[in-house]
PDB file of N, CA and C in Angstrom:
ATOM      1  N   MET A   1     253.627  24.636  39.459  1.00  0.00           N
ATOM      2  CA  MET A   1     253.341  25.996  39.824  1.00  0.00           C
ATOM      3  C   MET A   1     252.542  25.998  41.121  1.00  0.00           C
ATOM      4  N   TRP A   2     252.899  26.799  42.052  1.00  0.00           N
ATOM      5  CA  TRP A   2     252.213  26.906  43.337  1.00  0.00           C
ATOM      6  C   TRP A   2     251.486  28.235  43.398  1.00  0.00           C
ATOM      7  N   TRP A   3     250.196  28.209  43.677  1.00  0.00           N
ATOM      8  CA  TRP A   3     249.367  29.418  43.750  1.00  0.00           C
ATOM      9  C   TRP A   3     248.546  29.290  45.024  1.00  0.00           C
ATOM     10  N   PRO A   4     249.075  29.756  46.134  1.00  0.00           N
ATOM     11  CA  PRO A   4     248.453  29.501  47.429  1.00  0.00           C
ATOM     12  C   PRO A   4     247.040  30.073  47.596  1.00  0.00           C
ATOM     13  N   LYS A   5     246.675  31.115  46.903  1.00  0.00           N
ATOM     14  CA  LYS A   5     245.348  31.730  47.070  1.00  0.00           C
ATOM     15  C   LYS A   5     244.509  31.594  45.793  1.00  0.00           C
ATOM     16  N   ILE A   6     244.698  30.508  45.054  1.00  0.00           N
ATOM     17  CA  ILE A   6     243.989  30.341  43.785  1.00  0.00           C
ATOM     18  C   ILE A   6     242.468  30.333  43.983  1.00  0.00           C
ATOM     19  N   TYR A   7     241.986  29.672  45.009  1.00  0.00           N
ATOM     20  CA  TYR A   7     240.545  29.594  45.243  1.00  0.00           C
ATOM     21  C   TYR A   7     239.969  30.988  45.447  1.00  0.00           C
ATOM     22  N   ASP A   8     240.592  31.783  46.317  1.00  0.00           N
ATOM     23  CA  ASP A   8     240.109  33.138  46.591  1.00  0.00           C
ATOM     24  C   ASP A   8     240.184  34.018  45.347  1.00  0.00           C
ATOM     25  N   ASP A   9     241.267  33.882  44.577  1.00  0.00           N
ATOM     26  CA  ASP A   9     241.429  34.696  43.372  1.00  0.00           C
ATOM     27  C   ASP A   9     240.381  34.341  42.312  1.00  0.00           C
ATOM     28  N   VAL A  10     240.145  33.067  42.096  1.00  0.00           N
ATOM     29  CA  VAL A  10     239.139  32.643  41.118  1.00  0.00           C
ATOM     30  C   VAL A  10     237.750  33.082  41.567  1.00  0.00           C
ATOM     31  N   LYS A  11     237.448  32.923  42.834  1.00  0.00           N
ATOM     32  CA  LYS A  11     236.151  33.346  43.372  1.00  0.00           C
ATOM     33  C   LYS A  11     235.947  34.843  43.155  1.00  0.00           C
ATOM     34  N   ASP A  12     236.980  35.641  43.370  1.00  0.00           N
ATOM     35  CA  ASP A  12     236.905  37.085  43.183  1.00  0.00           C
ATOM     36  C   ASP A  12     236.674  37.436  41.711  1.00  0.00           C
ATOM     37  N   ILE A  13     237.392  36.778  40.808  1.00  0.00           N
ATOM     38  CA  ILE A  13     237.248  37.045  39.370  1.00  0.00           C
ATOM     39  C   ILE A  13     235.845  36.670  38.896  1.00  0.00           C
ATOM     40  N   VAL A  14     235.364  35.507  39.302  1.00  0.00           N
ATOM     41  CA  VAL A  14     234.038  35.047  38.888  1.00  0.00           C
ATOM     42  C   VAL A  14     232.949  35.961  39.435  1.00  0.00           C
ATOM     43  N   SER A  15     233.109  36.459  40.657  1.00  0.00           N
ATOM     44  CA  SER A  15     232.089  37.327  41.250  1.00  0.00           C
ATOM     45  C   SER A  15     231.980  38.669  40.533  1.00  0.00           C
ATOM     46  N   LYS A  16     233.011  39.078  39.806  1.00  0.00           N
ATOM     47  CA  LYS A  16     233.010  40.355  39.084  1.00  0.00           C
ATOM     48  C   LYS A  16     232.722  40.197  37.591  1.00  0.00           C
ATOM     49  N   CYS A  17     232.598  38.989  37.118  1.00  0.00           N
ATOM     50  CA  CYS A  17     232.397  38.718  35.689  1.00  0.00           C
ATOM     51  C   CYS A  17     230.893  38.724  35.376  1.00  0.00           C
ATOM     52  N   PRO A  18     230.404  39.643  34.517  1.00  0.00           N
ATOM     53  CA  PRO A  18     228.968  39.691  34.209  1.00  0.00           C
ATOM     54  C   PRO A  18     228.446  38.396  33.570  1.00  0.00           C
ATOM     55  N   ASN A  19     229.207  37.805  32.644  1.00  0.00           N
ATOM     56  CA  ASN A  19     228.763  36.551  32.022  1.00  0.00           C
ATOM     57  C   ASN A  19     228.667  35.427  33.039  1.00  0.00           C
ATOM     58  N   CYS A  20     229.622  35.375  33.955  1.00  0.00           N
ATOM     59  CA  CYS A  20     229.604  34.326  34.981  1.00  0.00           C
ATOM     60  C   CYS A  20     228.375  34.472  35.874  1.00  0.00           C
ATOM     61  N   GLN A  21     227.966  35.700  36.170  1.00  0.00           N
ATOM     62  CA  GLN A  21     226.809  35.934  37.023  1.00  0.00           C
ATOM     63  C   GLN A  21     225.499  35.631  36.297  1.00  0.00           C
ATOM     64  N   ASN A  22     225.434  35.947  35.003  1.00  0.00           N
ATOM     65  CA  ASN A  22     224.206  35.705  34.237  1.00  0.00           C
ATOM     66  C   ASN A  22     223.978  34.239  33.918  1.00  0.00           C
ATOM     67  N   TYR A  23     225.052  33.476  33.735  1.00  0.00           N
ATOM     68  CA  TYR A  23     224.923  32.091  33.294  1.00  0.00           C
ATOM     69  C   TYR A  23     225.460  31.086  34.291  1.00  0.00           C
ATOM     70  N   ARG A  24     225.577  31.477  35.537  1.00  0.00           N
ATOM     71  CA  ARG A  24     226.147  30.548  36.518  1.00  0.00           C
ATOM     72  C   ARG A  24     225.200  29.379  36.759  1.00  0.00           C
ATOM     73  N   ILE A  25     225.762  28.254  37.091  1.00  0.00           N
ATOM     74  CA  ILE A  25     225.003  27.046  37.374  1.00  0.00           C
ATOM     75  C   ILE A  25     224.930  26.882  38.882  1.00  0.00           C
ATOM     76  N   ASN A  26     223.736  26.619  39.387  1.00  0.00           N
ATOM     77  CA  ASN A  26     223.554  26.412  40.817  1.00  0.00           C
ATOM     78  C   ASN A  26     223.832  24.940  41.134  1.00  0.00           C
ATOM     79  N   TYR A  27     224.917  24.679  41.816  1.00  0.00           N
ATOM     80  CA  TYR A  27     225.302  23.309  42.152  1.00  0.00           C
ATOM     81  C   TYR A  27     224.775  22.875  43.515  1.00  0.00           C
ATOM     82  N   GLN A  28     224.043  23.735  44.186  1.00  0.00           N
ATOM     83  CA  GLN A  28     223.549  23.425  45.523  1.00  0.00           C
ATOM     84  C   GLN A  28     222.400  22.419  45.434  1.00  0.00           C
ATOM     85  N   LEU A  29     222.489  21.363  46.205  1.00  0.00           N
ATOM     86  CA  LEU A  29     221.413  20.376  46.265  1.00  0.00           C
ATOM     87  C   LEU A  29     220.320  20.901  47.183  1.00  0.00           C
ATOM     88  N   HIS A  30     219.075  20.755  46.770  1.00  0.00           N
ATOM     89  CA  HIS A  30     217.969  21.252  47.567  1.00  0.00           C
ATOM     90  C   HIS A  30     217.405  20.196  48.511  1.00  0.00           C
ATOM     91  N   GLU A  31     217.681  18.958  48.262  1.00  0.00           N
ATOM     92  CA  GLU A  31     217.259  17.900  49.167  1.00  0.00           C
ATOM     93  C   GLU A  31     218.184  16.705  48.993  1.00  0.00           C
ATOM     94  N   LYS A  32     218.065  15.764  49.900  1.00  0.00           N
ATOM     95  CA  LYS A  32     218.913  14.576  49.847  1.00  0.00           C
ATOM     96  C   LYS A  32     218.546  13.720  48.640  1.00  0.00           C
ATOM     97  N   LEU A  33     219.501  12.923  48.170  1.00  0.00           N
ATOM     98  CA  LEU A  33     219.247  11.992  47.080  1.00  0.00           C
ATOM     99  C   LEU A  33     218.337  10.860  47.554  1.00  0.00           C
ATOM    100  N   HIS A  34     217.571  10.313  46.647  1.00  0.00           N
ATOM    101  CA  HIS A  34     216.660   9.211  46.946  1.00  0.00           C
ATOM    102  C   HIS A  34     217.098   7.985  46.154  1.00  0.00           C
ATOM    103  N   PRO A  35     217.981   7.155  46.718  1.00  0.00           N
ATOM    104  CA  PRO A  35     218.431   5.980  45.968  1.00  0.00           C
ATOM    105  C   PRO A  35     217.276   5.007  45.730  1.00  0.00           C
ATOM    106  N   LEU A  36     217.283   4.382  44.563  1.00  0.00           N
ATOM    107  CA  LEU A  36     216.241   3.422  44.215  1.00  0.00           C
ATOM    108  C   LEU A  36     216.697   2.019  44.588  1.00  0.00           C
ATOM    109  N   LEU A  37     215.858   1.315  45.307  1.00  0.00           N
ATOM    110  CA  LEU A  37     216.163  -0.067  45.671  1.00  0.00           C
ATOM    111  C   LEU A  37     215.852  -0.971  44.486  1.00  0.00           C
ATOM    112  N   PRO A  38     216.640  -2.014  44.268  1.00  0.00           N
ATOM    113  CA  PRO A  38     216.369  -2.913  43.143  1.00  0.00           C
ATOM    114  C   PRO A  38     215.065  -3.671  43.366  1.00  0.00           C
ATOM    115  N   PRO A  39     214.317  -3.951  42.295  1.00  0.00           N
ATOM    116  CA  PRO A  39     213.058  -4.675  42.443  1.00  0.00           C
ATOM    117  C   PRO A  39     213.298  -6.126  42.834  1.00  0.00           C
ATOM    118  N   VAL A  40     212.347  -6.683  43.562  1.00  0.00           N
ATOM    119  CA  VAL A  40     212.405  -8.083  43.968  1.00  0.00           C
ATOM    120  C   VAL A  40     211.572  -8.933  43.009  1.00  0.00           C
ATOM    121  N   GLU A  41     210.410  -8.438  42.621  1.00  0.00           N
ATOM    122  CA  GLU A  41     209.489  -9.156  41.742  1.00  0.00           C
ATOM    123  C   GLU A  41     209.331  -8.411  40.417  1.00  0.00           C
ATOM    124  N   PRO A  42     209.006  -9.134  39.325  1.00  0.00           N
ATOM    125  CA  PRO A  42     208.703  -8.451  38.067  1.00  0.00           C
ATOM    126  C   PRO A  42     207.516  -7.500  38.242  1.00  0.00           C
ATOM    127  N   ILE A  43     207.555  -6.381  37.568  1.00  0.00           N
ATOM    128  CA  ILE A  43     206.516  -5.349  37.580  1.00  0.00           C
ATOM    129  C   ILE A  43     206.349  -4.717  38.965  1.00  0.00           C
ATOM    130  N   GLU A  44     207.309  -4.880  39.852  1.00  0.00           N
ATOM    131  CA  GLU A  44     207.240  -4.254  41.175  1.00  0.00           C
ATOM    132  C   GLU A  44     207.563  -2.765  41.088  1.00  0.00           C
ATOM    133  N   HIS A  45     208.516  -2.393  40.255  1.00  0.00           N
ATOM    134  CA  HIS A  45     208.883  -0.988  40.038  1.00  0.00           C
ATOM    135  C   HIS A  45     208.558  -0.609  38.606  1.00  0.00           C
ATOM    136  N   TRP A  46     208.030   0.574  38.440  1.00  0.00           N
ATOM    137  CA  TRP A  46     207.774   1.082  37.099  1.00  0.00           C
ATOM    138  C   TRP A  46     208.616   2.318  36.881  1.00  0.00           C
ATOM    139  N   GLY A  47     209.155   2.474  35.697  1.00  0.00           N
ATOM    140  CA  GLY A  47     209.813   3.718  35.305  1.00  0.00           C
ATOM    141  C   GLY A  47     208.989   4.353  34.200  1.00  0.00           C
ATOM    142  N   ILE A  48     208.581   5.608  34.381  1.00  0.00           N
ATOM    143  CA  ILE A  48     207.733   6.287  33.407  1.00  0.00           C
ATOM    144  C   ILE A  48     208.482   7.491  32.864  1.00  0.00           C
ATOM    145  N   ASP A  49     208.625   7.557  31.559  1.00  0.00           N
ATOM    146  CA  ASP A  49     209.303   8.675  30.909  1.00  0.00           C
ATOM    147  C   ASP A  49     208.514   9.118  29.687  1.00  0.00           C
ATOM    148  N   PHE A  50     208.530  10.418  29.454  1.00  0.00           N
ATOM    149  CA  PHE A  50     208.007  10.964  28.209  1.00  0.00           C
ATOM    150  C   PHE A  50     209.211  11.294  27.348  1.00  0.00           C
ATOM    151  N   ILE A  51     209.209  10.803  26.120  1.00  0.00           N
ATOM    152  CA  ILE A  51     210.371  10.979  25.256  1.00  0.00           C
ATOM    153  C   ILE A  51     209.930  11.474  23.891  1.00  0.00           C
ATOM    154  N   GLY A  52     210.847  12.109  23.199  1.00  0.00           N
ATOM    155  CA  GLY A  52     210.554  12.583  21.849  1.00  0.00           C
ATOM    156  C   GLY A  52     210.715  11.467  20.836  1.00  0.00           C
ATOM    157  N   ARG A  53     211.846  10.824  20.839  1.00  0.00           N
ATOM    158  CA  ARG A  53     212.110   9.693  19.949  1.00  0.00           C
ATOM    159  C   ARG A  53     212.243   8.444  20.806  1.00  0.00           C
ATOM    160  N   LEU A  54     211.726   7.360  20.318  1.00  0.00           N
ATOM    161  CA  LEU A  54     211.756   6.117  21.075  1.00  0.00           C
ATOM    162  C   LEU A  54     213.147   5.509  21.032  1.00  0.00           C
ATOM    163  N   SER A  55     213.709   5.281  22.200  1.00  0.00           N
ATOM    164  CA  SER A  55     215.019   4.648  22.297  1.00  0.00           C
ATOM    165  C   SER A  55     214.847   3.218  22.800  1.00  0.00           C
ATOM    166  N   THR A  56     215.902   2.427  22.758  1.00  0.00           N
ATOM    167  CA  THR A  56     215.849   1.069  23.270  1.00  0.00           C
ATOM    168  C   THR A  56     215.673   1.132  24.777  1.00  0.00           C
ATOM    169  N   THR A  57     214.678   0.431  25.291  1.00  0.00           N
ATOM    170  CA  THR A  57     214.375   0.489  26.716  1.00  0.00           C
ATOM    171  C   THR A  57     213.833  -0.859  27.171  1.00  0.00           C
ATOM    172  N   GLN A  58     213.903  -1.129  28.461  1.00  0.00           N
ATOM    173  CA  GLN A  58     213.338  -2.353  29.016  1.00  0.00           C
ATOM    174  C   GLN A  58     212.939  -2.105  30.461  1.00  0.00           C
ATOM    175  N   SER A  59     212.096  -2.985  30.991  1.00  0.00           N
ATOM    176  CA  SER A  59     211.634  -2.803  32.364  1.00  0.00           C
ATOM    177  C   SER A  59     212.753  -3.109  33.346  1.00  0.00           C
ATOM    178  N   HIS A  60     212.485  -2.801  34.608  1.00  0.00           N
ATOM    179  CA  HIS A  60     213.503  -2.976  35.638  1.00  0.00           C
ATOM    180  C   HIS A  60     213.770  -4.451  35.961  1.00  0.00           C
ATOM    181  N   ALA A  61     212.747  -5.291  35.943  1.00  0.00           N
ATOM    182  CA  ALA A  61     212.948  -6.688  36.324  1.00  0.00           C
ATOM    183  C   ALA A  61     212.402  -7.675  35.289  1.00  0.00           C
ATOM    184  N   ALA A  62     211.289  -7.368  34.653  1.00  0.00           N
ATOM    185  CA  ALA A  62     210.661  -8.302  33.724  1.00  0.00           C
ATOM    186  C   ALA A  62     211.270  -8.251  32.331  1.00  0.00           C
ATOM    187  N   LYS A  63     212.126  -7.264  32.062  1.00  0.00           N
ATOM    188  CA  LYS A  63     212.810  -7.116  30.775  1.00  0.00           C
ATOM    189  C   LYS A  63     211.824  -6.944  29.624  1.00  0.00           C
ATOM    190  N   SER A  64     210.730  -6.224  29.867  1.00  0.00           N
ATOM    191  CA  SER A  64     209.758  -5.943  28.821  1.00  0.00           C
ATOM    192  C   SER A  64     209.370  -4.470  28.893  1.00  0.00           C
ATOM    193  N   THR A  65     208.710  -3.995  27.841  1.00  0.00           N
ATOM    194  CA  THR A  65     208.288  -2.596  27.805  1.00  0.00           C
ATOM    195  C   THR A  65     206.853  -2.493  27.329  1.00  0.00           C
ATOM    196  N   ALA A  66     206.246  -1.377  27.630  1.00  0.00           N
ATOM    197  CA  ALA A  66     204.939  -1.021  27.091  1.00  0.00           C
ATOM    198  C   ALA A  66     205.063   0.425  26.647  1.00  0.00           C
ATOM    199  N   ALA A  67     204.621   0.722  25.432  1.00  0.00           N
ATOM    200  CA  ALA A  67     204.767   2.082  24.909  1.00  0.00           C
ATOM    201  C   ALA A  67     203.541   2.470  24.107  1.00  0.00           C
ATOM    202  N   ARG A  68     203.241   3.769  24.106  1.00  0.00           N
ATOM    203  CA  ARG A  68     202.147   4.308  23.309  1.00  0.00           C
ATOM    204  C   ARG A  68     202.451   5.770  23.022  1.00  0.00           C
ATOM    205  N   ALA A  69     202.158   6.204  21.818  1.00  0.00           N
ATOM    206  CA  ALA A  69     202.298   7.623  21.484  1.00  0.00           C
ATOM    207  C   ALA A  69     201.102   8.366  22.063  1.00  0.00           C
ATOM    208  N   LEU A  70     201.358   9.386  22.864  1.00  0.00           N
ATOM    209  CA  LEU A  70     200.304  10.190  23.476  1.00  0.00           C
ATOM    210  C   LEU A  70     200.327  11.582  22.873  1.00  0.00           C
ATOM    211  N   GLY A  71     199.152  12.151  22.656  1.00  0.00           N
ATOM    212  CA  GLY A  71     199.080  13.501  22.117  1.00  0.00           C
ATOM    213  C   GLY A  71     199.627  14.538  23.073  1.00  0.00           C
ATOM    214  N   GLU A  72     199.359  14.352  24.366  1.00  0.00           N
ATOM    215  CA  GLU A  72     199.832  15.277  25.388  1.00  0.00           C
ATOM    216  C   GLU A  72     200.311  14.487  26.598  1.00  0.00           C
ATOM    217  N   ALA A  73     201.288  15.035  27.307  1.00  0.00           N
ATOM    218  CA  ALA A  73     201.809  14.412  28.528  1.00  0.00           C
ATOM    219  C   ALA A  73     200.958  14.877  29.702  1.00  0.00           C
ATOM    220  N   THR A  74     199.811  14.217  29.907  1.00  0.00           N
ATOM    221  CA  THR A  74     198.919  14.578  31.009  1.00  0.00           C
ATOM    222  C   THR A  74     198.737  13.383  31.934  1.00  0.00           C
ATOM    223  N   THR A  75     198.317  13.670  33.151  1.00  0.00           N
ATOM    224  CA  THR A  75     198.057  12.607  34.120  1.00  0.00           C
ATOM    225  C   THR A  75     196.943  11.689  33.620  1.00  0.00           C
ATOM    226  N   GLU A  76     195.905  12.267  33.010  1.00  0.00           N
ATOM    227  CA  GLU A  76     194.792  11.462  32.503  1.00  0.00           C
ATOM    228  C   GLU A  76     195.255  10.506  31.403  1.00  0.00           C
ATOM    229  N   ASN A  77     196.060  11.000  30.457  1.00  0.00           N
ATOM    230  CA  ASN A  77     196.577  10.126  29.395  1.00  0.00           C
ATOM    231  C   ASN A  77     197.450   9.017  29.958  1.00  0.00           C
ATOM    232  N   MET A  78     198.291   9.345  30.959  1.00  0.00           N
ATOM    233  CA  MET A  78     199.154   8.332  31.566  1.00  0.00           C
ATOM    234  C   MET A  78     198.315   7.289  32.300  1.00  0.00           C
ATOM    235  N   ALA A  79     197.299   7.728  33.038  1.00  0.00           N
ATOM    236  CA  ALA A  79     196.442   6.787  33.764  1.00  0.00           C
ATOM    237  C   ALA A  79     195.716   5.858  32.793  1.00  0.00           C
ATOM    238  N   ASN A  80     195.193   6.402  31.693  1.00  0.00           N
ATOM    239  CA  ASN A  80     194.527   5.566  30.686  1.00  0.00           C
ATOM    240  C   ASN A  80     195.495   4.567  30.072  1.00  0.00           C
ATOM    241  N   PHE A  81     196.712   5.014  29.776  1.00  0.00           N
ATOM    242  CA  PHE A  81     197.732   4.118  29.216  1.00  0.00           C
ATOM    243  C   PHE A  81     198.025   2.969  30.177  1.00  0.00           C
ATOM    244  N   ILE A  82     198.265   3.294  31.450  1.00  0.00           N
ATOM    245  CA  ILE A  82     198.572   2.255  32.443  1.00  0.00           C
ATOM    246  C   ILE A  82     197.424   1.257  32.536  1.00  0.00           C
ATOM    247  N   TYR A  83     196.184   1.749  32.589  1.00  0.00           N
ATOM    248  CA  TYR A  83     195.035   0.861  32.717  1.00  0.00           C
ATOM    249  C   TYR A  83     194.858  -0.014  31.471  1.00  0.00           C
ATOM    250  N   GLU A  84     194.865   0.618  30.289  1.00  0.00           N
ATOM    251  CA  GLU A  84     194.571  -0.111  29.051  1.00  0.00           C
ATOM    252  C   GLU A  84     195.709  -1.028  28.594  1.00  0.00           C
ATOM    253  N   GLU A  85     196.944  -0.587  28.727  1.00  0.00           N
ATOM    254  CA  GLU A  85     198.075  -1.345  28.188  1.00  0.00           C
ATOM    255  C   GLU A  85     198.752  -2.268  29.200  1.00  0.00           C
ATOM    256  N   ILE A  86     198.606  -1.971  30.480  1.00  0.00           N
ATOM    257  CA  ILE A  86     199.311  -2.772  31.482  1.00  0.00           C
ATOM    258  C   ILE A  86     198.337  -3.577  32.330  1.00  0.00           C
ATOM    259  N   VAL A  87     197.380  -2.906  32.971  1.00  0.00           N
ATOM    260  CA  VAL A  87     196.451  -3.615  33.858  1.00  0.00           C
ATOM    261  C   VAL A  87     195.611  -4.615  33.071  1.00  0.00           C
ATOM    262  N   ILE A  88     194.979  -4.166  31.992  1.00  0.00           N
ATOM    263  CA  ILE A  88     194.112  -5.062  31.216  1.00  0.00           C
ATOM    264  C   ILE A  88     194.929  -6.102  30.446  1.00  0.00           C
ATOM    265  N   GLN A  89     195.977  -5.678  29.740  1.00  0.00           N
ATOM    266  CA  GLN A  89     196.762  -6.598  28.911  1.00  0.00           C
ATOM    267  C   GLN A  89     197.489  -7.659  29.734  1.00  0.00           C
ATOM    268  N   LEU A  90     198.035  -7.262  30.875  1.00  0.00           N
ATOM    269  CA  LEU A  90     198.813  -8.206  31.681  1.00  0.00           C
ATOM    270  C   LEU A  90     198.018  -8.833  32.815  1.00  0.00           C
ATOM    271  N   GLY A  91     196.770  -8.398  32.996  1.00  0.00           N
ATOM    272  CA  GLY A  91     196.005  -8.900  34.128  1.00  0.00           C
ATOM    273  C   GLY A  91     196.711  -8.580  35.429  1.00  0.00           C
ATOM    274  N   LEU A  92     197.199  -7.356  35.536  1.00  0.00           N
ATOM    275  CA  LEU A  92     198.061  -6.964  36.649  1.00  0.00           C
ATOM    276  C   LEU A  92     197.422  -7.196  38.009  1.00  0.00           C
ATOM    277  N   SER A  93     196.114  -6.989  38.133  1.00  0.00           N
ATOM    278  CA  SER A  93     195.490  -7.148  39.444  1.00  0.00           C
ATOM    279  C   SER A  93     195.583  -8.587  39.940  1.00  0.00           C
ATOM    280  N   PHE A  94     195.720  -9.562  39.029  1.00  0.00           N
ATOM    281  CA  PHE A  94     195.853 -10.958  39.436  1.00  0.00           C
ATOM    282  C   PHE A  94     197.314 -11.383  39.545  1.00  0.00           C
ATOM    283  N   PHE A  95     198.201 -10.632  38.888  1.00  0.00           N
ATOM    284  CA  PHE A  95     199.610 -11.017  38.807  1.00  0.00           C
ATOM    285  C   PHE A  95     200.426 -10.531  39.995  1.00  0.00           C
ATOM    286  N   VAL A  96     200.171  -9.308  40.439  1.00  0.00           N
ATOM    287  CA  VAL A  96     200.955  -8.708  41.519  1.00  0.00           C
ATOM    288  C   VAL A  96     200.009  -8.259  42.620  1.00  0.00           C
ATOM    289  N   PRO A  97     200.172  -8.785  43.837  1.00  0.00           N
ATOM    290  CA  PRO A  97     199.319  -8.313  44.928  1.00  0.00           C
ATOM    291  C   PRO A  97     199.658  -6.868  45.277  1.00  0.00           C
ATOM    292  N   GLY A  98     198.634  -6.039  45.441  1.00  0.00           N
ATOM    293  CA  GLY A  98     198.874  -4.635  45.776  1.00  0.00           C
ATOM    294  C   GLY A  98     199.299  -3.839  44.556  1.00  0.00           C
ATOM    295  N   LEU A  99     199.603  -2.584  44.778  1.00  0.00           N
ATOM    296  CA  LEU A  99     200.015  -1.703  43.692  1.00  0.00           C
ATOM    297  C   LEU A  99     201.525  -1.678  43.561  1.00  0.00           C
ATOM    298  N   PRO A 100     202.039  -1.536  42.348  1.00  0.00           N
ATOM    299  CA  PRO A 100     203.492  -1.451  42.172  1.00  0.00           C
ATOM    300  C   PRO A 100     204.020  -0.111  42.668  1.00  0.00           C
ATOM    301  N   ASP A 101     205.298  -0.067  42.921  1.00  0.00           N
ATOM    302  CA  ASP A 101     205.981   1.156  43.316  1.00  0.00           C
ATOM    303  C   ASP A 101     206.321   1.919  42.044  1.00  0.00           C
ATOM    304  N   ILE A 102     205.650   3.046  41.791  1.00  0.00           N
ATOM    305  CA  ILE A 102     205.914   3.827  40.586  1.00  0.00           C
ATOM    306  C   ILE A 102     207.106   4.726  40.851  1.00  0.00           C
ATOM    307  N   GLN A 103     208.150   4.563  40.066  1.00  0.00           N
ATOM    308  CA  GLN A 103     209.387   5.317  40.242  1.00  0.00           C
ATOM    309  C   GLN A 103     209.228   6.735  39.716  1.00  0.00           C
ATOM    310  N   PRO A 104     210.074   7.648  40.178  1.00  0.00           N
ATOM    311  CA  PRO A 104     209.988   9.038  39.711  1.00  0.00           C
ATOM    312  C   PRO A 104     210.074   9.119  38.195  1.00  0.00           C
ATOM    313  N   SER A 105     209.259  10.000  37.627  1.00  0.00           N
ATOM    314  CA  SER A 105     209.285  10.181  36.178  1.00  0.00           C
ATOM    315  C   SER A 105     210.446  11.079  35.792  1.00  0.00           C
ATOM    316  N   ASP A 106     210.472  11.484  34.544  1.00  0.00           N
ATOM    317  CA  ASP A 106     211.552  12.328  34.045  1.00  0.00           C
ATOM    318  C   ASP A 106     211.334  13.802  34.338  1.00  0.00           C
ATOM    319  N   GLY A 107     210.501  14.125  35.311  1.00  0.00           N
ATOM    320  CA  GLY A 107     210.320  15.511  35.718  1.00  0.00           C
ATOM    321  C   GLY A 107     209.145  16.212  35.067  1.00  0.00           C
ATOM    322  N   MET A 108     208.303  15.493  34.330  1.00  0.00           N
ATOM    323  CA  MET A 108     207.157  16.137  33.708  1.00  0.00           C
ATOM    324  C   MET A 108     206.188  16.598  34.788  1.00  0.00           C
ATOM    325  N   LEU A 109     205.722  17.820  34.681  1.00  0.00           N
ATOM    326  CA  LEU A 109     204.811  18.379  35.668  1.00  0.00           C
ATOM    327  C   LEU A 109     203.479  17.651  35.644  1.00  0.00           C
ATOM    328  N   GLY A 110     202.892  17.435  36.812  1.00  0.00           N
ATOM    329  CA  GLY A 110     201.579  16.831  36.909  1.00  0.00           C
ATOM    330  C   GLY A 110     201.579  15.327  36.975  1.00  0.00           C
ATOM    331  N   ILE A 111     202.674  14.687  36.686  1.00  0.00           N
ATOM    332  CA  ILE A 111     202.702  13.228  36.663  1.00  0.00           C
ATOM    333  C   ILE A 111     202.890  12.665  38.062  1.00  0.00           C
ATOM    334  N   GLY A 112     203.426  13.425  38.988  1.00  0.00           N
ATOM    335  CA  GLY A 112     203.662  12.935  40.339  1.00  0.00           C
ATOM    336  C   GLY A 112     202.404  12.606  41.102  1.00  0.00           C
ATOM    337  N   SER A 113     201.235  13.038  40.585  1.00  0.00           N
ATOM    338  CA  SER A 113     199.985  12.809  41.301  1.00  0.00           C
ATOM    339  C   SER A 113     199.282  11.534  40.885  1.00  0.00           C
ATOM    340  N   ILE A 114     199.926  10.694  40.070  1.00  0.00           N
ATOM    341  CA  ILE A 114     199.297   9.428  39.645  1.00  0.00           C
ATOM    342  C   ILE A 114     199.171   8.521  40.849  1.00  0.00           C
TER     343      ILE A 114
END
C-alpha cells in the first residue's frame, strides 16, 4: 500500500486527539549523551543506585559490591555509607591515589552534590 502523505496525515490526527495531547511523550533530548569510559583500575568508577529490592549487581572493574539499607536516600546517608563501608573497610585512601570517578546515580535528587 502506498500512502504518500502518511506522515502529514498522522501528524494532523495526533494534533487533534485530546488523549494524544494529554499523554504525549516528549522524545526531544535536552542535552548530548555522556558516554561512560570503561574503568582502567579497580574502584576507579563507582555506580550508585537507590533500589527497592536488591538485585544481583557487581562493580565495574573489581567485580564486588557494597550495600546497606538506608532509611532515607539523602546525601548525608550516602556519604556516611561511602566512608564507613568503602573507605574504612577497603582502606581506599591507601589503595587508590586520588578520588574515584563517581558515575551518575539513578536520578535521585540531591545525590549529584556528593
